[in-house]
Amino acid sequence: MTSRDRRVAILQAAANAKSQAKTRAAEQAIRALIKRGEPITFQAVQREAGVSHTFLYGHPDIRGRIEALRSQSRPAQPSAPTETDNTIILTLTSQITRLKQQHRQEVQALRTALERAHGENLDLRRELTRRGWTGPLRTGRSASGCNEESARKTRSCTLPDS
């Protein structure tokens, strides 16, 4: 055997060892993906094993296994909705419609009550002005500036007479 033949044999042995290592890595990647319940695809196996797409497609045994597992892991096409599904959908749709209508009515009632309260507030302010009140209106206090607690204690907080 010449030195050239020896070098070729060493290179071939190294290439075979590298190919076997990649094949083992691809097989381990497939097992790991199956164990984790992840879909088996060429890209997933490539990422997991650290090999190229070309390697996976170039080895018929690995390629066949990936294709078989990929077709198994694909979910079946969803079946047409059943009568029960349609009934549930219709029931929920009508319930949503009813709730939306109820919500609209409640919002309208609250808006009406707020408008009434604003109107009453305006009337009270006008009455205070008519009776001669010129001071600022403070929250939590009566028109005379007394709060409820001091009004109960002193009974001296009254509206100014006009």
N, C-alpha and C. Protein backbone atom coordinates (compact mmCIF):
# COMPACT_ATOMS: atom_id res chain seq x y z
N MET A 1 0.86 -1.16 0.00
CA MET A 1 0.00 0.00 0.00
C MET A 1 0.91 1.23 0.00
N THR A 2 0.61 2.14 -0.89
CA THR A 2 1.41 3.35 -0.99
C THR A 2 0.94 4.35 0.05
N SER A 3 1.70 5.41 0.26
CA SER A 3 1.33 6.43 1.23
C SER A 3 0.05 7.14 0.81
N ARG A 4 -0.09 7.28 -0.49
CA ARG A 4 -1.32 7.91 -1.00
C ARG A 4 -2.52 7.05 -0.67
N ASP A 5 -2.44 5.77 -0.89
CA ASP A 5 -3.53 4.84 -0.60
C ASP A 5 -3.86 4.85 0.90
N ARG A 6 -2.79 4.92 1.72
CA ARG A 6 -2.98 4.96 3.16
C ARG A 6 -3.74 6.23 3.57
N ARG A 7 -3.37 7.37 2.99
CA ARG A 7 -4.04 8.64 3.31
C ARG A 7 -5.50 8.60 2.88
N VAL A 8 -5.75 8.03 1.71
CA VAL A 8 -7.13 7.91 1.22
C VAL A 8 -7.94 7.03 2.15
N ALA A 9 -7.36 5.93 2.60
CA ALA A 9 -8.06 5.00 3.50
C ALA A 9 -8.36 5.69 4.84
N ILE A 10 -7.41 6.49 5.35
CA ILE A 10 -7.62 7.20 6.60
C ILE A 10 -8.74 8.23 6.44
N LEU A 11 -8.71 8.95 5.31
CA LEU A 11 -9.77 9.94 5.05
C LEU A 11 -11.13 9.27 4.92
N GLN A 12 -11.17 8.12 4.22
CA GLN A 12 -12.44 7.41 4.08
C GLN A 12 -12.95 6.91 5.43
N ALA A 13 -12.06 6.43 6.26
CA ALA A 13 -12.45 5.96 7.59
C ALA A 13 -12.96 7.13 8.43
N ALA A 14 -12.31 8.26 8.33
CA ALA A 14 -12.75 9.44 9.08
C ALA A 14 -14.12 9.90 8.58
N ALA A 15 -14.32 9.91 7.25
CA ALA A 15 -15.61 10.32 6.69
C ALA A 15 -16.71 9.36 7.12
N ASN A 16 -16.42 8.05 7.13
CA ASN A 16 -17.40 7.06 7.57
C ASN A 16 -17.73 7.25 9.05
N ALA A 17 -16.73 7.51 9.86
CA ALA A 17 -16.96 7.72 11.29
C ALA A 17 -17.80 8.97 11.51
N LYS A 18 -17.50 10.01 10.75
CA LYS A 18 -18.26 11.26 10.87
C LYS A 18 -19.72 11.04 10.45
N SER A 19 -19.92 10.29 9.37
CA SER A 19 -21.26 10.00 8.88
C SER A 19 -22.03 9.16 9.89
N GLN A 20 -21.36 8.17 10.49
CA GLN A 20 -22.02 7.35 11.50
C GLN A 20 -22.38 8.18 12.73
N ALA A 21 -21.51 9.09 13.11
CA ALA A 21 -21.78 9.96 14.26
C ALA A 21 -22.99 10.85 13.97
N LYS A 22 -23.06 11.37 12.75
CA LYS A 22 -24.20 12.21 12.38
C LYS A 22 -25.48 11.38 12.32
N THR A 23 -25.39 10.16 11.84
CA THR A 23 -26.55 9.27 11.78
C THR A 23 -27.05 8.98 13.19
N ARG A 24 -26.12 8.68 14.13
CA ARG A 24 -26.51 8.45 15.52
C ARG A 24 -27.16 9.71 16.12
N ALA A 25 -26.58 10.88 15.81
CA ALA A 25 -27.13 12.13 16.32
C ALA A 25 -28.54 12.36 15.79
N ALA A 26 -28.76 12.06 14.51
CA ALA A 26 -30.09 12.22 13.93
C ALA A 26 -31.08 11.26 14.57
N GLU A 27 -30.67 10.01 14.80
CA GLU A 27 -31.54 9.03 15.44
C GLU A 27 -31.87 9.47 16.87
N GLN A 28 -30.87 9.95 17.60
CA GLN A 28 -31.11 10.43 18.96
C GLN A 28 -32.04 11.65 18.96
N ALA A 29 -31.88 12.52 17.98
CA ALA A 29 -32.74 13.70 17.87
C ALA A 29 -34.19 13.28 17.63
N ILE A 30 -34.38 12.31 16.76
CA ILE A 30 -35.74 11.82 16.49
C ILE A 30 -36.35 11.25 17.77
N ARG A 31 -35.57 10.43 18.51
CA ARG A 31 -36.08 9.86 19.76
C ARG A 31 -36.41 10.96 20.77
N ALA A 32 -35.56 11.97 20.85
CA ALA A 32 -35.79 13.07 21.80
C ALA A 32 -37.05 13.85 21.43
N LEU A 33 -37.25 14.11 20.14
CA LEU A 33 -38.45 14.83 19.70
C LEU A 33 -39.71 14.02 20.00
N ILE A 34 -39.64 12.72 19.77
CA ILE A 34 -40.78 11.85 20.06
C ILE A 34 -41.06 11.87 21.56
N LYS A 35 -40.01 11.77 22.37
CA LYS A 35 -40.16 11.74 23.83
C LYS A 35 -40.80 13.03 24.33
N ARG A 36 -40.44 14.16 23.75
CA ARG A 36 -41.00 15.45 24.17
C ARG A 36 -42.36 15.73 23.54
N GLY A 37 -42.76 14.89 22.59
CA GLY A 37 -44.06 15.07 21.96
C GLY A 37 -44.06 16.17 20.91
N GLU A 38 -42.90 16.53 20.41
CA GLU A 38 -42.82 17.59 19.40
C GLU A 38 -43.00 16.98 18.01
N PRO A 39 -43.46 17.78 17.05
CA PRO A 39 -43.63 17.25 15.70
C PRO A 39 -42.29 16.89 15.08
N ILE A 40 -42.30 15.80 14.33
CA ILE A 40 -41.09 15.33 13.68
C ILE A 40 -41.05 15.93 12.27
N THR A 41 -40.12 16.84 12.05
CA THR A 41 -39.92 17.45 10.74
C THR A 41 -38.44 17.45 10.44
N PHE A 42 -38.10 17.66 9.18
CA PHE A 42 -36.69 17.71 8.81
C PHE A 42 -36.00 18.86 9.55
N GLN A 43 -36.66 19.98 9.64
CA GLN A 43 -36.06 21.13 10.30
C GLN A 43 -35.85 20.87 11.79
N ALA A 44 -36.82 20.24 12.45
CA ALA A 44 -36.69 19.96 13.88
C ALA A 44 -35.54 18.98 14.13
N VAL A 45 -35.44 17.94 13.29
CA VAL A 45 -34.36 16.96 13.46
C VAL A 45 -33.02 17.62 13.18
N GLN A 46 -32.97 18.48 12.16
CA GLN A 46 -31.72 19.17 11.82
C GLN A 46 -31.25 20.03 13.00
N ARG A 47 -32.18 20.78 13.58
CA ARG A 47 -31.84 21.63 14.72
C ARG A 47 -31.39 20.80 15.92
N GLU A 48 -32.12 19.76 16.21
CA GLU A 48 -31.84 18.94 17.39
C GLU A 48 -30.51 18.19 17.24
N ALA A 49 -30.23 17.66 16.04
CA ALA A 49 -29.04 16.84 15.84
C ALA A 49 -27.82 17.66 15.44
N GLY A 50 -28.04 18.86 14.93
CA GLY A 50 -26.91 19.67 14.47
C GLY A 50 -26.35 19.17 13.16
N VAL A 51 -27.23 18.67 12.30
CA VAL A 51 -26.81 18.20 10.98
C VAL A 51 -27.51 19.03 9.92
N SER A 52 -27.09 18.90 8.67
CA SER A 52 -27.67 19.69 7.60
C SER A 52 -28.89 18.99 7.00
N HIS A 53 -29.69 19.80 6.30
CA HIS A 53 -30.82 19.23 5.56
C HIS A 53 -30.31 18.26 4.51
N THR A 54 -29.22 18.62 3.88
CA THR A 54 -28.64 17.79 2.82
C THR A 54 -28.30 16.40 3.37
N PHE A 55 -27.73 16.35 4.57
CA PHE A 55 -27.40 15.07 5.18
C PHE A 55 -28.65 14.24 5.40
N LEU A 56 -29.71 14.88 5.95
CA LEU A 56 -30.94 14.14 6.24
C LEU A 56 -31.60 13.63 4.96
N TYR A 57 -31.66 14.48 3.94
CA TYR A 57 -32.27 14.07 2.68
C TYR A 57 -31.39 13.07 1.93
N GLY A 58 -30.09 13.11 2.16
CA GLY A 58 -29.16 12.23 1.45
C GLY A 58 -29.08 10.82 2.00
N HIS A 59 -29.64 10.58 3.18
CA HIS A 59 -29.63 9.24 3.78
C HIS A 59 -31.05 8.68 3.74
N PRO A 60 -31.29 7.74 2.81
CA PRO A 60 -32.64 7.24 2.59
C PRO A 60 -33.31 6.64 3.83
N ASP A 61 -32.55 5.98 4.69
CA ASP A 61 -33.16 5.38 5.87
C ASP A 61 -33.65 6.45 6.85
N ILE A 62 -32.84 7.49 7.07
CA ILE A 62 -33.26 8.57 7.98
C ILE A 62 -34.41 9.35 7.34
N ARG A 63 -34.27 9.62 6.05
CA ARG A 63 -35.30 10.39 5.34
C ARG A 63 -36.65 9.67 5.43
N GLY A 64 -36.65 8.37 5.18
CA GLY A 64 -37.89 7.59 5.23
C GLY A 64 -38.50 7.61 6.62
N ARG A 65 -37.66 7.50 7.64
CA ARG A 65 -38.17 7.50 9.01
C ARG A 65 -38.80 8.85 9.37
N ILE A 66 -38.12 9.93 8.98
CA ILE A 66 -38.66 11.26 9.27
C ILE A 66 -39.98 11.46 8.53
N GLU A 67 -40.04 11.09 7.27
CA GLU A 67 -41.27 11.26 6.49
C GLU A 67 -42.41 10.44 7.09
N ALA A 68 -42.12 9.21 7.53
CA ALA A 68 -43.16 8.36 8.12
C ALA A 68 -43.65 8.96 9.44
N LEU A 69 -42.73 9.39 10.27
CA LEU A 69 -43.12 9.98 11.55
C LEU A 69 -43.83 11.32 11.36
N ARG A 70 -43.40 12.07 10.36
CA ARG A 70 -44.04 13.36 10.09
C ARG A 70 -45.49 13.15 9.67
N SER A 71 -45.75 12.16 8.85
CA SER A 71 -47.13 11.92 8.41
C SER A 71 -47.99 11.38 9.57
N GLN A 72 -47.38 10.63 10.49
CA GLN A 72 -48.12 10.12 11.65
C GLN A 72 -48.48 11.24 12.62
N SER A 73 -47.57 12.19 12.80
CA SER A 73 -47.78 13.21 13.81
C SER A 73 -48.71 14.33 13.36
N ARG A 74 -49.02 14.37 12.07
CA ARG A 74 -49.95 15.40 11.60
C ARG A 74 -51.35 15.05 12.07
N PRO A 75 -52.04 16.02 12.64
CA PRO A 75 -53.40 15.72 13.09
C PRO A 75 -54.32 15.51 11.90
N ALA A 76 -55.30 14.68 12.11
CA ALA A 76 -56.29 14.45 11.06
C ALA A 76 -57.05 15.74 10.81
N GLN A 77 -57.57 15.86 9.61
CA GLN A 77 -58.35 17.05 9.28
C GLN A 77 -59.55 17.12 10.21
N PRO A 78 -59.82 18.32 10.73
CA PRO A 78 -60.96 18.42 11.65
C PRO A 78 -62.25 18.04 10.93
N SER A 79 -63.07 17.31 11.66
CA SER A 79 -64.34 16.89 11.07
C SER A 79 -65.31 18.06 11.03
N ALA A 80 -66.32 17.88 10.25
CA ALA A 80 -67.34 18.93 10.14
C ALA A 80 -68.02 19.09 11.50
N PRO A 81 -68.43 20.30 11.81
CA PRO A 81 -69.08 20.51 13.11
C PRO A 81 -70.32 19.63 13.25
N THR A 82 -70.49 19.12 14.43
CA THR A 82 -71.64 18.26 14.68
C THR A 82 -72.83 19.12 15.07
N GLU A 83 -73.97 18.47 15.19
CA GLU A 83 -75.20 19.17 15.58
C GLU A 83 -75.05 19.78 16.97
N THR A 84 -74.35 19.06 17.86
CA THR A 84 -74.13 19.57 19.22
C THR A 84 -73.30 20.85 19.18
N ASP A 85 -72.26 20.85 18.34
CA ASP A 85 -71.42 22.05 18.21
C ASP A 85 -72.27 23.23 17.73
N ASN A 86 -73.10 22.98 16.73
CA ASN A 86 -73.95 24.05 16.20
C ASN A 86 -74.91 24.58 17.27
N THR A 87 -75.46 23.67 18.07
CA THR A 87 -76.39 24.08 19.12
C THR A 87 -75.67 24.94 20.16
N ILE A 88 -74.49 24.53 20.54
CA ILE A 88 -73.70 25.30 21.51
C ILE A 88 -73.38 26.67 20.95
N ILE A 89 -72.96 26.72 19.70
CA ILE A 89 -72.62 28.00 19.07
C ILE A 89 -73.84 28.91 19.03
N LEU A 90 -74.98 28.37 18.63
CA LEU A 90 -76.19 29.18 18.57
C LEU A 90 -76.61 29.67 19.96
N THR A 91 -76.51 28.80 20.94
CA THR A 91 -76.88 29.18 22.31
C THR A 91 -75.97 30.29 22.82
N LEU A 92 -74.69 30.13 22.62
CA LEU A 92 -73.75 31.15 23.10
C LEU A 92 -73.91 32.47 22.34
N THR A 93 -74.17 32.38 21.05
CA THR A 93 -74.37 33.60 20.26
C THR A 93 -75.60 34.35 20.74
N SER A 94 -76.68 33.64 20.99
CA SER A 94 -77.89 34.32 21.47
C SER A 94 -77.68 34.87 22.88
N GLN A 95 -76.93 34.17 23.70
CA GLN A 95 -76.63 34.66 25.05
C GLN A 95 -75.79 35.94 24.97
N ILE A 96 -74.82 35.97 24.09
CA ILE A 96 -74.00 37.18 23.91
C ILE A 96 -74.85 38.34 23.42
N THR A 97 -75.73 38.07 22.47
CA THR A 97 -76.61 39.12 21.96
C THR A 97 -77.49 39.67 23.07
N ARG A 98 -78.06 38.79 23.88
CA ARG A 98 -78.91 39.21 24.99
C ARG A 98 -78.11 40.04 26.01
N LEU A 99 -76.91 39.60 26.33
CA LEU A 99 -76.07 40.33 27.28
C LEU A 99 -75.67 41.71 26.73
N LYS A 100 -75.39 41.78 25.44
CA LYS A 100 -75.05 43.07 24.83
C LYS A 100 -76.23 44.03 24.92
N GLN A 101 -77.43 43.53 24.65
CA GLN A 101 -78.64 44.36 24.73
C GLN A 101 -78.86 44.82 26.17
N GLN A 102 -78.70 43.92 27.12
CA GLN A 102 -78.85 44.28 28.53
C GLN A 102 -77.82 45.33 28.92
N HIS A 103 -76.60 45.18 28.45
CA HIS A 103 -75.54 46.15 28.75
C HIS A 103 -75.90 47.52 28.18
N ARG A 104 -76.37 47.54 26.93
CA ARG A 104 -76.77 48.82 26.32
C ARG A 104 -77.86 49.50 27.14
N GLN A 105 -78.85 48.73 27.59
CA GLN A 105 -79.94 49.29 28.39
C GLN A 105 -79.43 49.83 29.72
N GLU A 106 -78.54 49.09 30.38
CA GLU A 106 -77.99 49.55 31.65
C GLU A 106 -77.18 50.83 31.47
N VAL A 107 -76.38 50.88 30.42
CA VAL A 107 -75.58 52.08 30.15
C VAL A 107 -76.50 53.27 29.90
N GLN A 108 -77.57 53.04 29.13
CA GLN A 108 -78.51 54.13 28.86
C GLN A 108 -79.20 54.59 30.14
N ALA A 109 -79.57 53.67 31.00
CA ALA A 109 -80.21 54.03 32.28
C ALA A 109 -79.24 54.84 33.14
N LEU A 110 -77.98 54.44 33.16
CA LEU A 110 -76.98 55.19 33.93
C LEU A 110 -76.77 56.59 33.35
N ARG A 111 -76.74 56.69 32.04
CA ARG A 111 -76.59 58.01 31.41
C ARG A 111 -77.78 58.91 31.75
N THR A 112 -78.97 58.34 31.72
CA THR A 112 -80.18 59.11 32.06
C THR A 112 -80.12 59.57 33.51
N ALA A 113 -79.73 58.68 34.42
CA ALA A 113 -79.62 59.03 35.84
C ALA A 113 -78.56 60.11 36.05
N LEU A 114 -77.46 60.02 35.32
CA LEU A 114 -76.40 61.02 35.44
C LEU A 114 -76.88 62.37 34.92
N GLU A 115 -77.61 62.36 33.81
CA GLU A 115 -78.16 63.63 33.29
C GLU A 115 -79.12 64.24 34.31
N ARG A 116 -79.96 63.40 34.93
CA ARG A 116 -80.89 63.88 35.94
C ARG A 116 -80.14 64.47 37.13
N ALA A 117 -79.07 63.78 37.57
CA ALA A 117 -78.28 64.27 38.70
C ALA A 117 -77.60 65.59 38.36
N HIS A 118 -77.08 65.70 37.14
CA HIS A 118 -76.46 66.96 36.72
C HIS A 118 -77.51 68.09 36.70
N GLY A 119 -78.69 67.77 36.22
CA GLY A 119 -79.77 68.76 36.19
C GLY A 119 -80.15 69.20 37.59
N GLU A 120 -80.27 68.23 38.51
CA GLU A 120 -80.61 68.55 39.89
C GLU A 120 -79.50 69.40 40.53
N ASN A 121 -78.26 69.02 40.25
CA ASN A 121 -77.13 69.79 40.77
C ASN A 121 -77.17 71.23 40.26
N LEU A 122 -77.48 71.41 38.98
CA LEU A 122 -77.58 72.74 38.41
C LEU A 122 -78.71 73.54 39.07
N ASP A 123 -79.86 72.86 39.28
CA ASP A 123 -80.98 73.53 39.95
C ASP A 123 -80.58 73.97 41.36
N LEU A 124 -79.88 73.13 42.09
CA LEU A 124 -79.46 73.47 43.45
C LEU A 124 -78.47 74.63 43.45
N ARG A 125 -77.56 74.63 42.49
CA ARG A 125 -76.62 75.75 42.40
C ARG A 125 -77.37 77.05 42.10
N ARG A 126 -78.34 76.97 41.22
CA ARG A 126 -79.13 78.16 40.90
C ARG A 126 -79.90 78.65 42.13
N GLU A 127 -80.44 77.71 42.91
CA GLU A 127 -81.16 78.08 44.12
C GLU A 127 -80.22 78.74 45.12
N LEU A 128 -79.00 78.21 45.25
CA LEU A 128 -78.03 78.83 46.14
C LEU A 128 -77.69 80.25 45.68
N THR A 129 -77.53 80.41 44.40
CA THR A 129 -77.23 81.74 43.86
C THR A 129 -78.42 82.68 44.12
N ARG A 130 -79.63 82.19 43.93
CA ARG A 130 -80.83 83.00 44.16
C ARG A 130 -80.91 83.44 45.62
N ARG A 131 -80.47 82.56 46.54
CA ARG A 131 -80.52 82.90 47.96
C ARG A 131 -79.32 83.74 48.42
N GLY A 132 -78.41 84.02 47.50
CA GLY A 132 -77.32 84.92 47.81
C GLY A 132 -75.98 84.27 48.09
N TRP A 133 -75.86 83.01 47.86
CA TRP A 133 -74.57 82.34 48.09
C TRP A 133 -73.60 82.75 47.02
N THR A 134 -72.41 83.25 47.43
CA THR A 134 -71.41 83.68 46.47
C THR A 134 -70.10 82.95 46.64
N GLY A 135 -69.97 82.14 47.69
CA GLY A 135 -68.72 81.43 47.96
C GLY A 135 -68.55 80.22 47.05
N PRO A 136 -67.37 79.64 47.12
CA PRO A 136 -67.13 78.44 46.30
C PRO A 136 -67.89 77.24 46.86
N LEU A 137 -68.27 76.37 45.98
CA LEU A 137 -68.94 75.14 46.42
C LEU A 137 -67.87 74.10 46.67
N ARG A 138 -67.85 73.53 47.88
CA ARG A 138 -66.83 72.55 48.25
C ARG A 138 -67.46 71.18 48.34
N THR A 139 -66.71 70.18 47.97
CA THR A 139 -67.19 68.81 48.02
C THR A 139 -67.31 68.36 49.47
N GLY A 140 -68.41 67.70 49.81
CA GLY A 140 -68.59 67.17 51.14
C GLY A 140 -69.08 68.20 52.14
N ARG A 141 -69.42 69.39 51.69
CA ARG A 141 -69.89 70.44 52.59
C ARG A 141 -71.24 70.95 52.09
N SER A 142 -71.98 71.48 53.00
CA SER A 142 -73.27 72.06 52.61
C SER A 142 -73.01 73.42 51.97
N ALA A 143 -74.05 74.06 51.53
CA ALA A 143 -73.93 75.35 50.85
C ALA A 143 -73.36 76.42 51.77
N SER A 144 -73.56 76.29 53.09
CA SER A 144 -73.06 77.30 54.02
C SER A 144 -71.60 77.05 54.38
N GLY A 145 -71.03 75.95 53.86
CA GLY A 145 -69.64 75.66 54.16
C GLY A 145 -69.45 74.73 55.33
N CYS A 146 -70.51 74.30 55.97
CA CYS A 146 -70.41 73.39 57.10
C CYS A 146 -70.47 71.96 56.61
N ASN A 147 -69.68 71.10 57.25
CA ASN A 147 -69.82 69.70 56.89
C ASN A 147 -70.90 69.07 57.77
N GLU A 148 -71.27 67.84 57.47
CA GLU A 148 -72.41 67.23 58.16
C GLU A 148 -72.14 67.07 59.65
N GLU A 149 -70.91 66.72 60.02
CA GLU A 149 -70.60 66.50 61.43
C GLU A 149 -70.75 67.79 62.24
N SER A 150 -70.19 68.90 61.73
CA SER A 150 -70.32 70.15 62.48
C SER A 150 -71.76 70.64 62.48
N ALA A 151 -72.53 70.37 61.47
CA ALA A 151 -73.94 70.76 61.43
C ALA A 151 -74.71 70.03 62.52
N ARG A 152 -74.42 68.75 62.75
CA ARG A 152 -75.10 67.99 63.80
C ARG A 152 -74.71 68.50 65.17
N LYS A 153 -73.42 68.83 65.36
CA LYS A 153 -72.94 69.27 66.68
C LYS A 153 -73.48 70.65 67.04
N THR A 154 -73.38 71.59 66.12
CA THR A 154 -73.71 72.97 66.46
C THR A 154 -75.11 73.37 66.05
N ARG A 155 -75.66 72.71 65.10
CA ARG A 155 -76.97 73.02 64.54
C ARG A 155 -77.05 74.49 64.12
N SER A 156 -75.89 75.04 63.77
CA SER A 156 -75.88 76.44 63.39
C SER A 156 -75.61 76.63 61.90
N CYS A 157 -75.44 75.59 61.19
CA CYS A 157 -75.16 75.71 59.76
C CYS A 157 -76.48 75.74 59.02
N THR A 158 -76.78 76.89 58.46
CA THR A 158 -78.03 77.05 57.71
C THR A 158 -77.73 77.78 56.43
N LEU A 159 -78.65 77.71 55.53
CA LEU A 159 -78.52 78.45 54.28
C LEU A 159 -78.75 79.93 54.54
N PRO A 160 -77.99 80.78 53.89
CA PRO A 160 -78.24 82.22 54.07
C PRO A 160 -79.60 82.60 53.52
N ASP A 161 -80.29 83.46 54.21
CA ASP A 161 -81.58 83.94 53.74
C ASP A 161 -81.39 85.03 52.72
N SER A 162 -82.30 85.12 51.79
CA SER A 162 -82.18 86.20 50.81
C SER A 162 -83.17 87.29 51.10
